PDB file of N, CA and C in Angstrom:
ATOM      1  N   UNK A   1      53.625  59.821 -39.979  1.00  0.00           N
ATOM      2  CA  UNK A   1      55.053  59.777 -39.996  1.00  0.00           C
ATOM      3  C   UNK A   1      55.564  61.211 -39.958  1.00  0.00           C
ATOM      4  N   UNK A   2      56.508  61.434 -39.085  1.00  0.00           N
ATOM      5  CA  UNK A   2      57.103  62.755 -38.938  1.00  0.00           C
ATOM      6  C   UNK A   2      58.584  62.657 -39.272  1.00  0.00           C
ATOM      7  N   UNK A   3      59.019  63.468 -40.199  1.00  0.00           N
ATOM      8  CA  UNK A   3      60.433  63.578 -40.543  1.00  0.00           C
ATOM      9  C   UNK A   3      60.827  65.038 -40.351  1.00  0.00           C
ATOM     10  N   UNK A   4      61.493  65.348 -39.241  1.00  0.00           N
ATOM     11  CA  UNK A   4      61.833  66.751 -38.978  1.00  0.00           C
ATOM     12  C   UNK A   4      62.799  67.293 -40.025  1.00  0.00           C
ATOM     13  N   UNK A   5      62.624  68.567 -40.356  1.00  0.00           N
ATOM     14  CA  UNK A   5      63.539  69.198 -41.309  1.00  0.00           C
ATOM     15  C   UNK A   5      64.971  69.127 -40.802  1.00  0.00           C
ATOM     16  N   UNK A   6      65.148  69.409 -39.534  1.00  0.00           N
ATOM     17  CA  UNK A   6      66.466  69.300 -38.910  1.00  0.00           C
ATOM     18  C   UNK A   6      66.487  67.967 -38.177  1.00  0.00           C
ATOM     19  N   UNK A   7      67.210  66.988 -38.701  1.00  0.00           N
ATOM     20  CA  UNK A   7      67.177  65.646 -38.134  1.00  0.00           C
ATOM     21  C   UNK A   7      67.664  65.595 -36.693  1.00  0.00           C
ATOM     22  N   UNK A   8      68.376  66.631 -36.255  1.00  0.00           N
ATOM     23  CA  UNK A   8      68.810  66.688 -34.857  1.00  0.00           C
ATOM     24  C   UNK A   8      67.674  67.122 -33.946  1.00  0.00           C
ATOM     25  N   UNK A   9      66.562  67.597 -34.513  1.00  0.00           N
ATOM     26  CA  UNK A   9      65.440  68.083 -33.711  1.00  0.00           C
ATOM     27  C   UNK A   9      64.331  67.036 -33.605  1.00  0.00           C
ATOM     28  N   UNK A  10      64.697  65.771 -33.492  1.00  0.00           N
ATOM     29  CA  UNK A  10      63.687  64.721 -33.384  1.00  0.00           C
ATOM     30  C   UNK A  10      62.853  64.897 -32.120  1.00  0.00           C
ATOM     31  N   UNK A  11      63.472  65.399 -31.056  1.00  0.00           N
ATOM     32  CA  UNK A  11      62.746  65.603 -29.808  1.00  0.00           C
ATOM     33  C   UNK A  11      61.698  66.701 -29.954  1.00  0.00           C
ATOM     34  N   UNK A  12      62.071  67.797 -30.608  1.00  0.00           N
ATOM     35  CA  UNK A  12      61.108  68.875 -30.842  1.00  0.00           C
ATOM     36  C   UNK A  12      59.955  68.404 -31.700  1.00  0.00           C
ATOM     37  N   UNK A  13      60.251  67.601 -32.714  1.00  0.00           N
ATOM     38  CA  UNK A  13      59.192  67.060 -33.578  1.00  0.00           C
ATOM     39  C   UNK A  13      58.295  66.117 -32.789  1.00  0.00           C
ATOM     40  N   UNK A  14      58.880  65.286 -31.942  1.00  0.00           N
ATOM     41  CA  UNK A  14      58.082  64.368 -31.120  1.00  0.00           C
ATOM     42  C   UNK A  14      57.136  65.150 -30.217  1.00  0.00           C
ATOM     43  N   UNK A  15      57.635  66.246 -29.679  1.00  0.00           N
ATOM     44  CA  UNK A  15      56.821  67.088 -28.795  1.00  0.00           C
ATOM     45  C   UNK A  15      55.715  67.790 -29.578  1.00  0.00           C
ATOM     46  N   UNK A  16      56.070  68.388 -30.721  1.00  0.00           N
ATOM     47  CA  UNK A  16      55.107  69.158 -31.522  1.00  0.00           C
ATOM     48  C   UNK A  16      53.977  68.304 -32.067  1.00  0.00           C
ATOM     49  N   UNK A  17      54.307  67.102 -32.513  1.00  0.00           N
ATOM     50  CA  UNK A  17      53.313  66.273 -33.199  1.00  0.00           C
ATOM     51  C   UNK A  17      52.740  65.158 -32.334  1.00  0.00           C
ATOM     52  N   UNK A  18      53.127  65.082 -31.075  1.00  0.00           N
ATOM     53  CA  UNK A  18      52.590  64.060 -30.187  1.00  0.00           C
ATOM     54  C   UNK A  18      52.896  62.650 -30.674  1.00  0.00           C
ATOM     55  N   UNK A  19      54.136  62.423 -31.064  1.00  0.00           N
ATOM     56  CA  UNK A  19      54.556  61.133 -31.608  1.00  0.00           C
ATOM     57  C   UNK A  19      54.252  60.014 -30.615  1.00  0.00           C
ATOM     58  N   UNK A  20      53.693  58.907 -31.118  1.00  0.00           N
ATOM     59  CA  UNK A  20      53.358  57.770 -30.264  1.00  0.00           C
ATOM     60  C   UNK A  20      54.235  56.552 -30.521  1.00  0.00           C
ATOM     61  N   UNK A  21      54.916  56.514 -31.662  1.00  0.00           N
ATOM     62  CA  UNK A  21      55.821  55.419 -31.996  1.00  0.00           C
ATOM     63  C   UNK A  21      57.136  56.038 -32.454  1.00  0.00           C
ATOM     64  N   UNK A  22      58.235  55.496 -31.970  1.00  0.00           N
ATOM     65  CA  UNK A  22      59.519  56.121 -32.218  1.00  0.00           C
ATOM     66  C   UNK A  22      60.580  55.059 -32.456  1.00  0.00           C
ATOM     67  N   UNK A  23      61.475  55.323 -33.388  1.00  0.00           N
ATOM     68  CA  UNK A  23      62.603  54.445 -33.670  1.00  0.00           C
ATOM     69  C   UNK A  23      63.884  55.235 -33.443  1.00  0.00           C
ATOM     70  N   UNK A  24      64.805  54.646 -32.681  1.00  0.00           N
ATOM     71  CA  UNK A  24      66.062  55.321 -32.398  1.00  0.00           C
ATOM     72  C   UNK A  24      67.164  54.302 -32.169  1.00  0.00           C
ATOM     73  N   UNK A  25      68.395  54.785 -32.113  1.00  0.00           N
ATOM     74  CA  UNK A  25      69.533  53.926 -31.802  1.00  0.00           C
ATOM     75  C   UNK A  25      69.806  54.029 -30.299  1.00  0.00           C
ATOM     76  N   UNK A  26      70.544  53.065 -29.734  1.00  0.00           N
ATOM     77  CA  UNK A  26      70.783  53.076 -28.287  1.00  0.00           C
ATOM     78  C   UNK A  26      71.358  54.386 -27.746  1.00  0.00           C
ATOM     79  N   UNK A  27      72.247  55.021 -28.477  1.00  0.00           N
ATOM     80  CA  UNK A  27      72.834  56.278 -28.008  1.00  0.00           C
ATOM     81  C   UNK A  27      71.768  57.357 -27.854  1.00  0.00           C
ATOM     82  N   UNK A  28      70.820  57.427 -28.790  1.00  0.00           N
ATOM     83  CA  UNK A  28      69.738  58.406 -28.671  1.00  0.00           C
ATOM     84  C   UNK A  28      68.894  58.132 -27.433  1.00  0.00           C
ATOM     85  N   UNK A  29      68.599  56.860 -27.186  1.00  0.00           N
ATOM     86  CA  UNK A  29      67.811  56.508 -26.006  1.00  0.00           C
ATOM     87  C   UNK A  29      68.553  56.883 -24.734  1.00  0.00           C
ATOM     88  N   UNK A  30      69.829  56.579 -24.671  1.00  0.00           N
ATOM     89  CA  UNK A  30      70.631  56.919 -23.492  1.00  0.00           C
ATOM     90  C   UNK A  30      70.610  58.420 -23.243  1.00  0.00           C
ATOM     91  N   UNK A  31      70.823  59.205 -24.287  1.00  0.00           N
ATOM     92  CA  UNK A  31      70.810  60.668 -24.134  1.00  0.00           C
ATOM     93  C   UNK A  31      69.434  61.175 -23.715  1.00  0.00           C
ATOM     94  N   UNK A  32      68.389  60.585 -24.259  1.00  0.00           N
ATOM     95  CA  UNK A  32      67.027  61.001 -23.899  1.00  0.00           C
ATOM     96  C   UNK A  32      66.743  60.705 -22.433  1.00  0.00           C
ATOM     97  N   UNK A  33      67.203  59.552 -21.941  1.00  0.00           N
ATOM     98  CA  UNK A  33      66.958  59.201 -20.544  1.00  0.00           C
ATOM     99  C   UNK A  33      67.724  60.083 -19.580  1.00  0.00           C
ATOM    100  N   UNK A  34      68.776  60.717 -20.053  1.00  0.00           N
ATOM    101  CA  UNK A  34      69.585  61.606 -19.207  1.00  0.00           C
ATOM    102  C   UNK A  34      69.066  63.050 -19.217  1.00  0.00           C
ATOM    103  N   UNK A  35      68.044  63.309 -20.007  1.00  0.00           N
ATOM    104  CA  UNK A  35      67.520  64.666 -20.192  1.00  0.00           C
ATOM    105  C   UNK A  35      66.065  64.700 -19.720  1.00  0.00           C
ATOM    106  N   UNK A  36      65.811  65.386 -18.600  1.00  0.00           N
ATOM    107  CA  UNK A  36      64.453  65.438 -18.044  1.00  0.00           C
ATOM    108  C   UNK A  36      63.438  65.988 -19.036  1.00  0.00           C
ATOM    109  N   UNK A  37      63.852  66.954 -19.853  1.00  0.00           N
ATOM    110  CA  UNK A  37      62.955  67.522 -20.857  1.00  0.00           C
ATOM    111  C   UNK A  37      62.572  66.460 -21.880  1.00  0.00           C
ATOM    112  N   UNK A  38      63.534  65.650 -22.279  1.00  0.00           N
ATOM    113  CA  UNK A  38      63.264  64.589 -23.256  1.00  0.00           C
ATOM    114  C   UNK A  38      62.335  63.551 -22.666  1.00  0.00           C
ATOM    115  N   UNK A  39      62.583  63.155 -21.431  1.00  0.00           N
ATOM    116  CA  UNK A  39      61.735  62.145 -20.790  1.00  0.00           C
ATOM    117  C   UNK A  39      60.293  62.619 -20.748  1.00  0.00           C
ATOM    118  N   UNK A  40      60.072  63.869 -20.383  1.00  0.00           N
ATOM    119  CA  UNK A  40      58.697  64.372 -20.323  1.00  0.00           C
ATOM    120  C   UNK A  40      58.077  64.476 -21.714  1.00  0.00           C
ATOM    121  N   UNK A  41      58.884  64.784 -22.728  1.00  0.00           N
ATOM    122  CA  UNK A  41      58.363  64.880 -24.098  1.00  0.00           C
ATOM    123  C   UNK A  41      57.993  63.516 -24.663  1.00  0.00           C
ATOM    124  N   UNK A  42      58.556  62.455 -24.110  1.00  0.00           N
ATOM    125  CA  UNK A  42      58.295  61.109 -24.626  1.00  0.00           C
ATOM    126  C   UNK A  42      57.150  60.407 -23.899  1.00  0.00           C
ATOM    127  N   UNK A  43      56.428  61.113 -23.083  1.00  0.00           N
ATOM    128  CA  UNK A  43      55.315  60.507 -22.332  1.00  0.00           C
ATOM    129  C   UNK A  43      54.235  59.922 -23.243  1.00  0.00           C
ATOM    130  N   UNK A  44      54.069  60.457 -24.451  1.00  0.00           N
ATOM    131  CA  UNK A  44      53.050  59.950 -25.384  1.00  0.00           C
ATOM    132  C   UNK A  44      53.486  58.687 -26.118  1.00  0.00           C
ATOM    133  N   UNK A  45      54.764  58.338 -26.037  1.00  0.00           N
ATOM    134  CA  UNK A  45      55.285  57.196 -26.796  1.00  0.00           C
ATOM    135  C   UNK A  45      54.720  55.897 -26.230  1.00  0.00           C
ATOM    136  N   UNK A  46      54.081  55.139 -27.118  1.00  0.00           N
ATOM    137  CA  UNK A  46      53.497  53.853 -26.741  1.00  0.00           C
ATOM    138  C   UNK A  46      54.399  52.695 -27.164  1.00  0.00           C
ATOM    139  N   UNK A  47      55.177  52.892 -28.219  1.00  0.00           N
ATOM    140  CA  UNK A  47      56.077  51.854 -28.721  1.00  0.00           C
ATOM    141  C   UNK A  47      57.398  52.487 -29.115  1.00  0.00           C
ATOM    142  N   UNK A  48      58.477  51.824 -28.719  1.00  0.00           N
ATOM    143  CA  UNK A  48      59.815  52.323 -28.999  1.00  0.00           C
ATOM    144  C   UNK A  48      60.624  51.196 -29.624  1.00  0.00           C
ATOM    145  N   UNK A  49      61.148  51.449 -30.802  1.00  0.00           N
ATOM    146  CA  UNK A  49      62.014  50.503 -31.493  1.00  0.00           C
ATOM    147  C   UNK A  49      63.441  51.002 -31.339  1.00  0.00           C
ATOM    148  N   UNK A  50      64.292  50.175 -30.753  1.00  0.00           N
ATOM    149  CA  UNK A  50      65.689  50.547 -30.576  1.00  0.00           C
ATOM    150  C   UNK A  50      66.519  49.544 -31.365  1.00  0.00           C
ATOM    151  N   UNK A  51      67.292  50.036 -32.316  1.00  0.00           N
ATOM    152  CA  UNK A  51      68.083  49.143 -33.147  1.00  0.00           C
ATOM    153  C   UNK A  51      69.346  49.818 -33.632  1.00  0.00           C
ATOM    154  N   UNK A  52      70.003  49.184 -34.575  1.00  0.00           N
ATOM    155  CA  UNK A  52      71.217  49.733 -35.138  1.00  0.00           C
ATOM    156  C   UNK A  52      72.470  49.140 -34.519  1.00  0.00           C
ATOM    157  N   UNK A  53      72.346  48.642 -33.302  1.00  0.00           N
ATOM    158  CA  UNK A  53      73.436  47.940 -32.628  1.00  0.00           C
ATOM    159  C   UNK A  53      72.839  47.220 -31.426  1.00  0.00           C
ATOM    160  N   UNK A  54      73.664  46.448 -30.746  1.00  0.00           N
ATOM    161  CA  UNK A  54      73.154  45.743 -29.572  1.00  0.00           C
ATOM    162  C   UNK A  54      72.816  46.751 -28.475  1.00  0.00           C
ATOM    163  N   UNK A  55      71.847  46.398 -27.663  1.00  0.00           N
ATOM    164  CA  UNK A  55      71.389  47.282 -26.599  1.00  0.00           C
ATOM    165  C   UNK A  55      71.914  46.740 -25.270  1.00  0.00           C
ATOM    166  N   UNK A  56      72.703  47.524 -24.551  1.00  0.00           N
ATOM    167  CA  UNK A  56      73.202  47.045 -23.265  1.00  0.00           C
ATOM    168  C   UNK A  56      72.041  46.731 -22.309  1.00  0.00           C
ATOM    169  N   UNK A  57      72.118  45.610 -21.595  1.00  0.00           N
ATOM    170  CA  UNK A  57      71.032  45.253 -20.665  1.00  0.00           C
ATOM    171  C   UNK A  57      70.703  46.356 -19.668  1.00  0.00           C
ATOM    172  N   UNK A  58      71.711  47.091 -19.205  1.00  0.00           N
ATOM    173  CA  UNK A  58      71.464  48.184 -18.263  1.00  0.00           C
ATOM    174  C   UNK A  58      70.605  49.280 -18.859  1.00  0.00           C
ATOM    175  N   UNK A  59      70.767  49.532 -20.156  1.00  0.00           N
ATOM    176  CA  UNK A  59      69.962  50.550 -20.834  1.00  0.00           C
ATOM    177  C   UNK A  59      68.512  50.085 -20.942  1.00  0.00           C
ATOM    178  N   UNK A  60      68.324  48.810 -21.210  1.00  0.00           N
ATOM    179  CA  UNK A  60      66.958  48.259 -21.261  1.00  0.00           C
ATOM    180  C   UNK A  60      66.306  48.407 -19.888  1.00  0.00           C
ATOM    181  N   UNK A  61      67.027  48.017 -18.848  1.00  0.00           N
ATOM    182  CA  UNK A  61      66.485  48.129 -17.478  1.00  0.00           C
ATOM    183  C   UNK A  61      66.155  49.573 -17.126  1.00  0.00           C
ATOM    184  N   UNK A  62      67.055  50.483 -17.462  1.00  0.00           N
ATOM    185  CA  UNK A  62      66.826  51.895 -17.144  1.00  0.00           C
ATOM    186  C   UNK A  62      65.617  52.448 -17.883  1.00  0.00           C
ATOM    187  N   UNK A  63      65.477  52.093 -19.154  1.00  0.00           N
ATOM    188  CA  UNK A  63      64.348  52.614 -19.933  1.00  0.00           C
ATOM    189  C   UNK A  63      63.030  52.037 -19.439  1.00  0.00           C
ATOM    190  N   UNK A  64      63.041  50.793 -19.004  1.00  0.00           N
ATOM    191  CA  UNK A  64      61.809  50.198 -18.484  1.00  0.00           C
ATOM    192  C   UNK A  64      61.430  50.756 -17.116  1.00  0.00           C
ATOM    193  N   UNK A  65      62.414  51.237 -16.368  1.00  0.00           N
ATOM    194  CA  UNK A  65      62.119  51.780 -15.047  1.00  0.00           C
ATOM    195  C   UNK A  65      61.597  53.214 -15.115  1.00  0.00           C
ATOM    196  N   UNK A  66      61.765  53.900 -16.240  1.00  0.00           N
ATOM    197  CA  UNK A  66      61.260  55.264 -16.401  1.00  0.00           C
ATOM    198  C   UNK A  66      59.741  55.237 -16.512  1.00  0.00           C
ATOM    199  N   UNK A  67      59.115  56.245 -15.999  1.00  0.00           N
ATOM    200  CA  UNK A  67      57.652  56.356 -16.112  1.00  0.00           C
ATOM    201  C   UNK A  67      57.325  57.152 -17.351  1.00  0.00           C
ATOM    202  N   UNK A  68      57.592  56.572 -18.506  1.00  0.00           N
ATOM    203  CA  UNK A  68      57.304  57.247 -19.781  1.00  0.00           C
ATOM    204  C   UNK A  68      55.858  57.089 -20.135  1.00  0.00           C
TER     205      UNK A  68
END
């Protein structure tokens, strides 16, 4: 389990520690998919839990179409 000191640096922590399982809210996923650096840093992720609110179907489709 990785808890970054700066909670806004979840991407840096994922990159540094090779995170394989990640939990985020839909807004975080949307922002990550719009950032090429984030997409490449998430290549090690094997499981992604998205919660906290409903997930728009388009966001699900977009995330599944990425080669993460």
